[in-house]
Protein backbone atom coordinates (compact mmCIF):
# COMPACT_ATOMS: atom_id res chain seq x y z
CA MET A 1 43.40 91.75 -27.64
CA THR A 2 43.47 90.40 -31.13
CA LYS A 3 41.78 87.19 -32.12
CA SER A 4 45.07 85.33 -32.57
CA ARG A 5 46.19 86.31 -29.09
CA ARG A 6 42.93 85.05 -27.61
CA VAL A 7 43.40 81.65 -29.31
CA MET A 8 46.97 81.49 -28.07
CA ALA A 9 45.83 82.24 -24.52
CA VAL A 10 43.25 79.42 -24.64
CA ILE A 11 45.85 76.94 -25.87
CA VAL A 12 48.31 77.94 -23.12
CA ALA A 13 45.58 77.59 -20.48
CA ALA A 14 44.66 74.14 -21.77
CA LEU A 15 48.28 73.04 -21.62
CA LEU A 16 48.61 74.28 -18.04
CA ILE A 17 45.46 72.41 -16.98
CA ALA A 18 46.65 69.19 -18.67
CA ALA A 19 50.02 69.53 -16.96
CA MET A 20 48.29 69.76 -13.61
CA ILE A 21 45.92 66.79 -14.15
CA LEU A 22 48.23 64.34 -15.96
CA PRO A 23 50.47 63.42 -12.97
CA GLY A 24 47.41 62.44 -10.92
CA LEU A 25 46.12 60.23 -13.70
CA VAL A 26 49.48 58.53 -14.02
CA VAL A 27 49.57 57.81 -10.29
CA LYS A 28 46.04 56.32 -10.37
CA ALA A 29 46.88 54.22 -13.40
CA GLU A 30 49.96 52.86 -11.67
CA ALA A 31 47.94 52.10 -8.55
CA ALA A 32 45.31 50.32 -10.59
CA GLU A 33 47.98 48.35 -12.40
CA GLY A 34 49.48 47.44 -9.05
CA GLU A 35 46.15 46.14 -7.87
CA ARG A 36 45.62 44.27 -11.11
CA THR A 37 49.00 42.63 -11.00
CA GLY A 38 48.49 41.93 -7.31
CA GLU A 39 50.93 43.63 -4.99
CA ALA A 40 49.89 40.89 -2.61
CA GLY A 41 51.23 38.40 -5.14
CA ARG A 42 48.03 37.54 -7.03
CA VAL A 43 49.53 38.10 -10.49
CA ALA A 44 47.46 36.47 -13.19
CA THR A 45 50.37 36.04 -15.57
CA LYS A 46 52.63 34.65 -12.83
CA VAL A 47 50.64 31.41 -12.33
CA THR A 48 50.87 29.35 -15.50
CA ILE A 49 49.00 26.29 -16.74
CA GLU A 50 50.64 24.24 -19.46
CA SER A 51 50.08 20.87 -21.04
CA LYS A 52 52.86 18.46 -20.09
CA ASP A 53 55.62 18.30 -22.71
CA ASN A 54 53.72 21.09 -24.48
CA LYS A 55 51.81 18.44 -26.44
CA THR A 56 48.38 18.74 -27.97
CA LEU A 57 46.56 15.52 -27.14
CA GLN A 58 44.74 13.55 -29.82
CA TYR A 59 41.46 11.90 -28.63
CA LYS A 60 39.33 9.22 -30.28
CA PRO A 61 35.58 8.59 -29.84
CA GLY A 62 34.88 6.66 -26.63
CA GLU A 63 38.56 6.69 -25.68
CA SER A 64 39.60 7.50 -22.12
CA GLN A 65 42.87 9.42 -21.95
CA LYS A 66 44.69 11.16 -19.13
CA TRP A 67 45.43 14.83 -19.69
CA THR A 68 48.40 15.95 -17.54
CA LEU A 69 48.85 19.64 -16.78
CA VAL A 70 51.80 21.48 -15.19
CA ILE A 71 50.96 24.31 -12.75
CA THR A 72 53.83 26.77 -12.05
CA ASN A 73 53.99 29.37 -9.29
CA LYS A 74 55.94 32.46 -10.39
CA THR A 75 54.36 34.92 -7.96
CA GLY A 76 57.28 35.01 -5.54
CA ARG A 77 55.16 33.83 -2.62
CA ASP A 78 53.76 30.52 -1.40
CA LEU A 79 50.27 29.70 -2.66
CA SER A 80 47.94 27.40 -0.70
CA ASN A 81 44.49 25.87 -1.03
CA LEU A 82 44.55 25.99 -4.82
CA SER A 83 42.18 24.24 -7.20
CA VAL A 84 42.16 23.81 -10.96
CA SER A 85 38.99 23.40 -13.06
CA PRO A 86 38.25 23.37 -16.79
CA ASP A 87 35.52 25.53 -18.31
CA MET A 88 32.94 23.03 -19.55
CA GLY A 89 31.22 25.47 -21.88
CA GLY A 90 28.12 26.10 -19.79
CA GLU A 91 25.06 26.09 -22.03
CA ASN A 92 27.23 25.69 -25.11
CA ALA A 93 27.64 21.92 -25.22
CA ASP A 94 29.59 22.14 -28.48
CA ALA A 95 32.47 23.81 -26.64
CA TRP A 96 33.08 20.66 -24.54
CA PRO A 97 34.22 17.58 -26.51
CA PHE A 98 34.09 15.10 -23.61
CA LYS A 99 31.42 12.99 -21.99
CA THR A 100 30.09 14.65 -18.84
CA ASP A 101 29.71 12.35 -15.84
CA TYR A 102 30.08 15.16 -13.29
CA GLN A 103 28.67 18.64 -12.93
CA LYS A 104 32.16 19.92 -12.20
CA TYR A 105 35.70 18.62 -12.69
CA GLU A 106 38.18 19.88 -10.12
CA GLN A 107 41.67 19.11 -8.87
CA LYS A 108 42.74 20.20 -5.41
CA ILE A 109 46.30 21.38 -4.76
CA GLY A 110 47.55 21.77 -1.20
CA THR A 111 50.51 24.17 -1.18
CA LEU A 112 52.51 25.41 -4.15
CA PRO A 113 55.83 26.87 -2.87
CA LYS A 114 57.63 29.80 -4.44
CA GLU A 115 61.10 28.21 -4.44
CA ASP A 116 62.54 27.26 -7.80
CA GLY A 117 62.40 23.52 -8.34
CA LYS A 118 59.43 23.20 -5.98
CA ASN A 119 57.11 25.69 -7.56
CA LYS A 120 55.67 23.23 -10.07
CA ILE A 121 53.10 20.46 -9.70
CA GLU A 122 51.51 18.05 -12.11
CA ILE A 123 47.82 17.26 -12.05
CA SER A 124 45.76 14.98 -14.27
CA PHE A 125 42.24 14.78 -15.63
CA ASP A 126 40.75 11.69 -17.26
CA PHE A 127 38.33 12.49 -20.08
CA VAL A 128 36.40 10.36 -22.55
CA GLN A 129 35.69 11.86 -25.99
CA ARG A 130 32.04 12.19 -27.01
CA ASP A 131 31.05 10.17 -30.05
CA ASP A 132 29.68 13.26 -31.78
CA ALA A 133 32.64 15.57 -31.07
CA GLY A 134 33.78 15.27 -34.69
CA THR A 135 37.22 15.96 -36.10
CA ARG A 136 38.26 19.40 -34.92
CA ARG A 137 40.42 21.40 -32.54
CA TYR A 138 38.95 22.49 -29.20
CA ALA A 139 40.24 25.27 -26.96
CA ILE A 140 39.58 24.37 -23.31
CA PRO A 141 40.08 27.16 -20.72
CA PHE A 142 41.59 25.94 -17.43
CA SER A 143 41.46 28.23 -14.39
CA VAL A 144 43.33 28.31 -11.07
CA TYR A 145 41.39 29.37 -7.96
CA GLU A 146 42.76 30.26 -4.54
CA GLY A 147 40.74 29.44 -1.43
CA ASP A 148 36.98 29.77 -1.75
CA SER A 149 37.15 32.63 -4.22
CA ASP A 150 34.97 32.37 -7.32
CA GLU A 151 37.39 34.58 -9.26
CA PRO A 152 40.35 32.75 -10.83
CA ILE A 153 43.88 34.00 -10.26
CA ALA A 154 44.91 32.58 -13.64
CA THR A 155 43.18 31.27 -16.77
CA HIS A 156 44.89 29.68 -19.77
CA LYS A 157 43.48 28.05 -22.87
CA LEU A 158 44.84 24.64 -23.81
CA TYR A 159 44.09 22.81 -27.01
CA VAL A 160 43.03 19.26 -27.79
CA ASN A 161 42.30 17.51 -31.08
CA THR A 162 39.36 15.14 -31.50
CA THR A 163 38.66 12.54 -34.15
CA GLU A 164 35.36 11.77 -35.84
CA LYS A 165 33.83 8.41 -35.07
CA PRO A 166 34.20 5.87 -37.91
CA GLN A 167 31.02 5.41 -39.94
CA ALA A 168 30.94 1.69 -39.18
CA ASP A 169 30.50 2.42 -35.49
CA ASN A 170 27.56 4.81 -35.84
CA SER A 171 25.14 2.16 -34.60
CA GLN A 172 26.85 1.95 -31.23
CA ASN A 173 26.73 4.24 -28.22
CA GLN A 174 24.21 6.64 -29.75
CA GLY A 175 22.84 9.45 -27.62
CA ASP A 176 25.92 9.54 -25.41
CA ASN A 177 26.29 13.30 -25.72
CA GLY A 178 27.04 14.80 -22.33
CA ASN A 179 25.60 11.87 -20.34
CA GLY A 180 27.67 8.97 -21.57
CA GLY A 181 28.08 5.75 -19.72
CA GLY A 182 31.87 6.14 -19.51
CA SER A 183 33.29 7.26 -16.21
CA GLY A 184 34.57 10.82 -16.02
CA SER A 185 37.60 9.44 -14.23
CA GLY A 186 38.42 6.89 -16.90
CA SER A 187 37.72 3.96 -14.56
CA ALA A 188 38.78 0.60 -15.87
CA ASP A 189 36.90 -1.34 -13.22
CA GLY A 190 33.48 -1.49 -14.84
CA ASP A 191 31.46 0.90 -12.75
CA ALA A 192 28.19 -0.46 -11.39
CA MET A 193 26.88 2.81 -9.96
CA THR A 194 26.64 6.45 -10.94
CA ALA A 195 28.51 8.72 -8.57
CA SER A 196 26.40 11.22 -6.69
CA VAL A 197 26.44 13.20 -3.47
CA GLY A 198 22.74 12.91 -2.83
CA ASN A 199 19.36 13.12 -4.48
CA ASP A 200 19.73 16.78 -5.48
CA GLU A 201 23.39 17.75 -4.97
CA PRO A 202 25.53 17.32 -8.13
CA ALA A 203 28.52 15.03 -8.09
CA VAL A 204 31.96 16.60 -8.24
CA TYR A 205 35.05 15.05 -9.75
CA SER A 206 37.80 16.02 -7.30
CA GLY A 207 41.47 15.19 -6.93
CA GLY A 208 44.17 15.45 -4.28
CA GLY A 209 47.38 17.42 -3.93
CA SER A 210 49.36 14.55 -5.36
CA GLY A 211 47.93 15.29 -8.76
CA SER A 212 46.31 11.85 -9.03
CA GLY A 213 42.93 13.35 -9.85
CA GLY A 214 41.18 10.98 -7.47
CA SER A 215 42.63 8.05 -9.37
CA SER A 216 44.95 5.27 -8.43
CA SER A 217 48.32 4.93 -10.08
CA ASP A 218 46.75 3.18 -13.08
CA GLY A 219 44.30 6.04 -13.68
CA SER A 220 41.18 4.28 -12.34
CA VAL A 221 38.83 5.33 -9.56
CA PRO A 222 38.07 2.59 -7.00
CA ARG A 223 34.39 1.71 -7.01
CA VAL A 224 32.37 0.15 -4.20
CA ILE A 225 29.27 -1.73 -5.33
CA VAL A 226 26.44 -3.57 -3.57
CA THR A 227 26.51 -7.25 -4.52
CA GLY A 228 23.44 -8.26 -2.50
CA PHE A 229 21.71 -8.12 0.87
CA ASP A 230 20.05 -10.35 3.46
CA THR A 231 17.36 -9.75 6.08
CA ASN A 232 16.87 -11.54 9.38
CA PRO A 233 14.16 -12.80 9.51
CA ALA A 234 14.03 -13.63 5.82
CA GLU A 235 10.50 -12.24 5.50
CA VAL A 236 10.02 -8.65 6.68
CA HIS A 237 6.58 -8.10 8.21
CA ALA A 238 5.03 -4.67 8.70
CA GLY A 239 5.35 -3.47 12.29
CA SER A 240 8.30 -5.74 13.12
CA ASP A 241 12.08 -5.30 13.55
CA PHE A 242 14.59 -6.88 11.20
CA THR A 243 18.33 -6.82 10.63
CA LEU A 244 19.51 -5.70 7.19
CA THR A 245 22.94 -6.94 6.07
CA ILE A 246 24.39 -5.40 2.89
CA HIS A 247 27.22 -7.10 0.99
CA LEU A 248 29.84 -4.76 -0.53
CA LYS A 249 32.73 -5.22 -2.94
CA ASN A 250 35.69 -3.01 -3.88
CA THR A 251 35.98 -3.52 -7.64
CA SER A 252 39.45 -1.96 -7.87
CA LYS A 253 42.19 -4.55 -8.25
CA LYS A 254 44.93 -2.28 -6.89
CA THR A 255 43.46 0.43 -4.66
CA LYS A 256 42.19 0.08 -1.13
CA VAL A 257 39.25 2.23 0.02
CA GLN A 258 38.99 3.56 3.56
CA ASN A 259 37.18 5.89 5.98
CA MET A 260 33.82 4.75 4.64
CA LEU A 261 30.51 6.34 5.66
CA PHE A 262 27.15 4.86 4.59
CA GLU A 263 23.72 6.45 5.02
CA LEU A 264 20.37 4.75 4.44
CA GLU A 265 17.34 6.72 3.26
CA ALA A 266 13.90 5.07 3.04
CA PRO A 267 10.87 6.50 1.20
CA THR A 268 8.28 8.41 3.23
CA GLU A 269 4.94 6.64 3.48
CA GLY A 270 1.53 8.03 4.47
CA THR A 271 -0.70 10.78 3.10
CA ASP A 272 -1.51 12.30 6.49
CA GLU A 273 1.11 14.82 7.61
CA GLN A 274 0.57 13.76 11.20
CA THR A 275 1.32 10.08 10.55
CA SER A 276 3.65 10.13 7.53
CA ALA A 277 7.12 8.75 8.26
CA PRO A 278 9.89 6.79 6.52
CA ALA A 279 8.93 3.22 5.68
CA PHE A 280 11.93 1.95 7.67
CA LEU A 281 13.39 3.57 10.77
CA PRO A 282 16.61 2.53 12.56
CA THR A 283 15.93 1.10 16.01
CA SER A 284 19.12 2.79 17.25
CA GLY A 285 18.00 6.21 16.04
CA SER A 286 20.80 6.66 13.47
CA ASN A 287 20.80 5.70 9.80
CA SER A 288 24.59 6.06 9.42
CA ILE A 289 27.07 3.18 9.31
CA TYR A 290 30.87 3.50 9.47
CA LEU A 291 33.41 1.04 8.06
CA ASP A 292 37.20 1.32 8.33
CA GLY A 293 37.87 0.16 4.78
CA ILE A 294 37.89 -2.58 2.15
CA LYS A 295 41.08 -3.89 0.64
CA ALA A 296 41.64 -3.99 -3.11
CA ASP A 297 39.31 -6.53 -4.75
CA GLY A 298 37.95 -7.26 -1.29
CA THR A 299 34.47 -7.63 0.19
CA ALA A 300 32.80 -6.53 3.40
CA ASP A 301 29.36 -6.50 5.06
CA ILE A 302 27.54 -3.75 6.93
CA SER A 303 24.46 -4.33 9.13
CA ILE A 304 21.74 -2.22 10.72
CA THR A 305 18.54 -3.07 12.62
CA LEU A 306 15.43 -1.42 11.22
CA ASN A 307 11.73 -1.30 12.06
CA ALA A 308 9.13 -1.58 9.30
CA LYS A 309 6.23 0.85 9.65
CA ALA A 310 3.08 -0.96 10.83
CA ASP A 311 0.73 0.41 8.16
CA LEU A 312 2.89 -0.42 5.12
CA LEU A 313 1.17 -2.05 2.17
CA GLN A 314 2.36 -5.45 1.05
CA LYS A 315 4.86 -4.56 -1.69
CA PRO A 316 8.62 -3.97 -2.20
CA TYR A 317 10.11 -0.73 -0.80
CA SER A 318 13.32 0.85 -2.10
CA ILE A 319 16.10 2.07 0.22
CA ASN A 320 18.73 4.47 -1.11
CA LEU A 321 22.28 3.83 0.11
CA SER A 322 24.72 6.73 -0.20
CA MET A 323 28.44 6.02 0.18
CA LYS A 324 31.35 8.33 0.94
CA TYR A 325 34.86 6.94 1.12
CA GLU A 326 38.49 7.72 0.32
CA ASP A 327 41.08 6.04 -1.83
CA SER A 328 44.67 5.37 -0.80
CA GLN A 329 45.56 9.03 -1.49
CA ALA A 330 42.76 10.37 0.79
CA THR A 331 40.70 11.54 -2.18
CA GLN A 332 37.01 11.57 -1.30
CA ILE A 333 34.68 9.64 -3.58
CA ASP A 334 30.89 9.77 -3.44
CA SER A 335 28.57 7.12 -4.79
CA SER A 336 25.12 5.66 -4.24
CA SER A 337 23.06 2.54 -4.81
CA SER A 338 19.62 1.25 -3.91
CA ILE A 339 18.10 -1.99 -2.68
CA SER A 340 14.49 -3.16 -2.66
CA ILE A 341 13.00 -4.88 0.40
CA PRO A 342 9.66 -6.76 0.08
CA VAL A 343 7.32 -6.16 3.04
CA LYS A 344 4.65 -8.65 4.08
CA GLN A 345 1.40 -7.74 5.81
CA ASP A 346 -0.11 -10.32 8.18
CA ALA A 347 -3.70 -11.30 7.39
CA ARG A 348 -6.14 -10.11 10.05
CA PHE A 349 -9.78 -11.23 10.17
CA GLU A 350 -12.59 -12.25 12.53
CA PHE A 351 -15.71 -14.45 12.44
CA SER A 352 -19.15 -13.49 13.66
CA GLU A 353 -21.10 -15.84 15.97
CA PHE A 354 -22.47 -18.99 14.34
CA GLU A 355 -26.19 -19.13 13.57
CA ILE A 356 -27.22 -22.82 13.74
CA SER A 357 -30.76 -23.95 12.88
CA PRO A 358 -31.70 -26.38 14.32
CA GLN A 359 -29.05 -27.20 16.90
CA THR A 360 -30.21 -30.85 17.11
CA ILE A 361 -30.78 -32.96 14.02
CA GLU A 362 -31.57 -36.59 13.33
CA VAL A 363 -29.43 -38.92 11.25
CA GLY A 364 -30.18 -37.93 7.66
CA GLY A 365 -31.44 -34.51 8.73
CA GLU A 366 -29.77 -31.16 7.92
CA ALA A 367 -28.73 -28.12 9.93
CA ASN A 368 -28.09 -24.67 8.43
CA VAL A 369 -24.85 -23.05 9.71
CA MET A 370 -24.13 -19.40 8.88
CA CYS A 371 -21.53 -16.78 9.90
CA SER A 372 -19.68 -13.75 8.46
CA LEU A 373 -15.97 -13.33 7.74
CA TYR A 374 -14.64 -9.80 8.42
CA ASN A 375 -11.32 -8.97 6.67
CA LEU A 376 -9.72 -6.46 9.08
CA GLY A 377 -6.22 -6.52 7.53
CA ARG A 378 -4.57 -4.63 4.66
CA ILE A 379 -4.25 -7.55 2.26
CA LYS A 380 -6.75 -9.33 0.04
CA LEU A 381 -7.75 -12.91 0.84
CA TYR A 382 -7.71 -15.01 -2.33
CA ASN A 383 -9.74 -18.20 -3.02
CA ALA A 384 -11.16 -18.43 0.50
CA LYS A 385 -12.84 -21.76 1.38
CA ALA A 386 -14.63 -23.10 4.48
CA ARG A 387 -14.45 -26.84 5.36
CA PHE A 388 -16.70 -28.42 8.03
CA GLU A 389 -15.61 -31.64 9.75
CA GLY A 390 -16.66 -33.41 12.94
CA ASN A 391 -18.11 -36.51 14.60
CA GLY A 392 -21.63 -37.24 13.42
CA ILE A 393 -21.78 -35.16 10.18
CA LYS A 394 -20.73 -35.60 6.59
CA LYS A 395 -17.68 -33.55 5.55
CA GLN A 396 -18.75 -30.37 3.74
CA GLU A 397 -16.75 -27.69 1.87
CA ILE A 398 -17.98 -24.39 0.43
CA PHE A 399 -16.21 -21.77 -1.70
CA ILE A 400 -16.27 -18.16 -0.47
CA GLY A 401 -14.08 -16.49 -3.13
CA ASN A 402 -11.87 -13.38 -2.84
CA VAL A 403 -12.40 -11.06 0.12
CA GLU A 404 -11.02 -7.53 -0.27
CA ALA A 405 -9.32 -5.69 2.58
CA GLY A 406 -12.02 -4.13 4.75
CA ALA A 407 -14.79 -6.26 3.16
CA THR A 408 -17.08 -9.02 4.50
CA GLY A 409 -17.46 -12.58 3.20
CA SER A 410 -20.51 -14.79 3.87
CA ILE A 411 -20.31 -18.43 4.97
CA ASP A 412 -23.55 -20.48 4.55
CA ALA A 413 -23.48 -24.28 4.75
CA MET A 414 -26.01 -27.15 5.10
CA LEU A 415 -24.62 -29.93 7.30
CA GLU A 416 -26.13 -33.43 7.10
CA GLY A 417 -26.29 -35.77 10.11
CA GLU A 418 -24.46 -39.04 9.46
CA LYS A 419 -24.40 -40.89 12.80
CA VAL A 420 -25.69 -40.53 16.32
CA THR A 421 -23.61 -38.53 18.79
CA ASN A 422 -23.65 -38.79 22.56
CA GLY A 423 -25.01 -35.33 23.25
CA ASN A 424 -23.43 -32.25 21.67
CA SER A 425 -20.40 -33.00 19.50
CA LYS A 426 -17.63 -30.59 18.41
CA ILE A 427 -17.69 -29.50 14.77
CA THR A 428 -14.62 -27.72 13.33
CA MET A 429 -14.80 -25.14 10.55
CA THR A 430 -11.42 -24.68 8.78
CA LEU A 431 -10.94 -21.50 6.73
CA SER A 432 -8.23 -21.63 4.05
CA TYR A 433 -7.05 -18.74 1.84
CA GLU A 434 -4.14 -17.72 -0.41
CA ASP A 435 -1.92 -14.61 -0.39
CA GLU A 436 -0.63 -12.74 -3.44
CA SER A 437 2.14 -15.29 -3.92
CA GLY A 438 -0.25 -18.27 -3.83
CA ASN A 439 0.83 -19.44 -0.37
CA ILE A 440 -2.03 -21.15 1.49
CA SER A 441 -2.86 -20.40 5.13
CA GLU A 442 -5.50 -21.94 7.39
CA THR A 443 -7.37 -21.10 10.60
CA THR A 444 -10.12 -22.90 12.54
CA LYS A 445 -13.25 -22.14 14.58
CA ASP A 446 -15.36 -24.68 16.57
CA PHE A 447 -19.06 -25.03 17.42
CA GLU A 448 -21.34 -27.82 18.73
CA LEU A 449 -24.11 -29.85 17.11
CA GLU A 450 -26.12 -32.89 18.33
CA VAL A 451 -27.17 -35.77 16.06
CA THR A 452 -29.91 -38.11 17.34
CA GLU A 453 -31.37 -41.40 16.14
CA ALA A 454 -33.97 -41.08 13.44
CA VAL A 455 -37.53 -41.87 14.85
CA ASP A 456 -40.14 -43.77 12.75
CA ASP A 457 -43.72 -42.93 13.93
CA SER A 458 -45.04 -46.37 12.93
CA ASP A 459 -42.80 -48.01 15.58
CA MET A 460 -44.61 -46.23 18.43
CA TYR A 461 -47.82 -48.28 18.12
CA MET A 462 -47.79 -52.08 17.74
CA ASN A 463 -50.69 -54.63 17.66
CA THR A 464 -50.84 -57.72 19.90
CA ASP A 465 -48.98 -59.83 17.41
CA GLY A 466 -46.22 -57.24 17.23
CA ASP A 467 -47.34 -56.10 13.80
CA VAL A 468 -47.84 -52.52 12.94
CA GLU A 469 -51.53 -51.64 13.20
CA ALA A 470 -52.35 -49.74 10.12
CA GLY A 471 -55.72 -48.87 8.70
CA SER A 472 -56.69 -49.90 5.30
CA GLY A 473 -55.52 -47.61 2.62
CA GLY A 474 -53.07 -45.95 5.02
CA PHE A 475 -55.86 -44.42 7.18
CA PRO A 476 -54.34 -42.75 10.27
CA VAL A 477 -55.78 -45.19 12.81
CA VAL A 478 -53.61 -44.23 15.75
CA PRO A 479 -54.46 -40.54 15.82
CA VAL A 480 -58.19 -41.36 15.46
CA VAL A 481 -58.05 -43.85 18.33
CA VAL A 482 -56.32 -41.30 20.50
CA VAL A 483 -58.91 -38.64 19.70
CA ILE A 484 -61.78 -41.07 20.40
CA ALA A 485 -60.26 -42.10 23.71
CA ILE A 486 -59.95 -38.47 24.73
CA ILE A 487 -63.56 -37.78 23.75
CA VAL A 488 -64.85 -40.87 25.60
CA GLY A 489 -62.89 -39.93 28.67
CA ALA A 490 -64.30 -36.41 28.59
CA VAL A 491 -67.88 -37.67 28.19
CA ALA A 492 -67.46 -40.17 31.01
CA ALA A 493 -66.11 -37.45 33.26
CA VAL A 494 -69.07 -35.21 32.49
CA VAL A 495 -71.58 -38.02 33.13
CA PHE A 496 -69.83 -38.93 36.35
CA VAL A 497 -69.90 -35.35 37.57
CA LYS A 498 -73.55 -34.93 36.67
CA LYS A 499 -74.55 -38.16 38.44
CA LYS A 500 -72.66 -37.13 41.52
CA LYS A 501 -74.30 -33.72 41.57
CA LYS A 502 -77.77 -35.33 41.08
CA LYS A 503 -77.19 -37.78 43.92
CA GLN A 504 -76.04 -34.95 46.16
CA MET A 505 -79.20 -32.95 45.38
CA LEU A 506 -81.43 -36.00 46.16
CA ASN A 507 -79.73 -36.46 49.49
CA GLU A 508 -80.23 -32.80 50.33
CA GLU A 509 -83.97 -33.05 49.45
CA GLU A 510 -84.42 -36.15 51.62
CA GLU A 511 -82.75 -34.44 54.55
CA LEU A 512 -85.00 -31.39 54.08
CA LEU A 513 -88.14 -33.58 54.03
CA ASP A 514 -87.04 -35.43 57.15
CA GLU A 515 -86.52 -32.11 58.87
CA LEU A 516 -90.00 -30.94 57.92
CA ASP A 517 -91.55 -34.21 59.12
CA ARG A 518 -89.85 -33.90 62.48
CA SER A 519 -91.12 -30.33 62.87
CA SER A 520 -94.69 -31.38 62.16
CA GLU A 521 -94.60 -34.20 64.71
CA ASP A 522 -93.31 -31.87 67.37
CA GLU A 523 -96.18 -29.45 66.80
CA ARG A 524 -98.79 -32.22 67.11
CA GLU A 525 -97.33 -33.50 70.38
CA GLN A 526 -97.70 -30.16 72.10
CA PRO A 527 -100.99 -29.72 74.13
């Protein structure tokens, strides 16, 4: 076979192989295209997103403007559970010209029929231009999602023009890039709270199937704010129950709010895992409160009974109040606020036993009274004083000073007798102290003390004329006389005893002699 024939044979073989493979590739390509276009009806190009009236909106710095979009179903089947969201640029903040009050903007659509004339729906978003957006044209991708799928069934870019902020206004609203104070919903009611779902969960701007975007007919979102609160009793003491009443107001002038759910969350107190617990616990066991609704520009109150933890320090404690409610179009709105409740701790202290020396004094004499003050509570006692009053003594006050929680204060007073009492008389010690607010409190403790008449030693010994017998030069005559009398008495007693003993001995001798004489006579008379 020549070389040319071999080349020709290779070419023919290649053509035959290509002819065999090509039909299979065509079939696969058609199948893939069918899947891409969605034989089930999920055709990306058959769900369209357009700006109403095909207009490119012109925004100004700080201006809130409603952006109305038209969603059209051209798939030939009914679509349900749709949602529309703009692409906010992710990490590229320059791709998003609006202030960001929510982590995600989303409009919910119930059902979008396939029938002509009913296959369109209008939805709206309210955006506020950032001050630093500048004068330029932005392309904002909007996507349509079906169900819970993260993959859009359609994405279209829409354009918006922004305007640079006038130079004269550069001093106002600085730093409002991405976290501006304007509401993402374009609220005209002067929002008092930042919308949130919780402490960690991001807020979501969501709208209903009516295309209202969570707004009332005038484009505003109804806001519920806390205007104040009351507690009963007025002072909340640690370890006690109290009723908290919160005053609410619907700031919207036109829209009623309804189906309201409130949840209270108190801070956790205590370093020990075994004893740590929220500062306030509901006595009913639930921290949720339900309210039917509040009319437009109306007010309402909610109440709950709470118990303050017994070991709380004396200071204000913050309670977070989360709110979930719906507007007149059943669009859910989340918000939160906080209130601060001051907690009081009752003073707790004890006294030691009184040490009184002496317990009986004369008029003009003094007694030393001492005791200790033990501060057993959790608050500091300021400017503590002890005042002593009673029948028979002069009023006395001493300053103790500040006594820290868990510390001991000393009370040491000298009480002077003023007049005679009939036996023991009650003496009252009054302790006064101040709290952190300067309020004065008092408590008392009693003891007994006797005051007697003062005795003058010179009155005990008088001369015959009734005059005081005093030695010359103040010599202590009376004690000397007493000592001499005692000595004389002792000497006389000794002399008397000796004389008596001597007489007794003489009598015994005489009797012995008489006995001897009688014995001698008897011997002589015998023959």
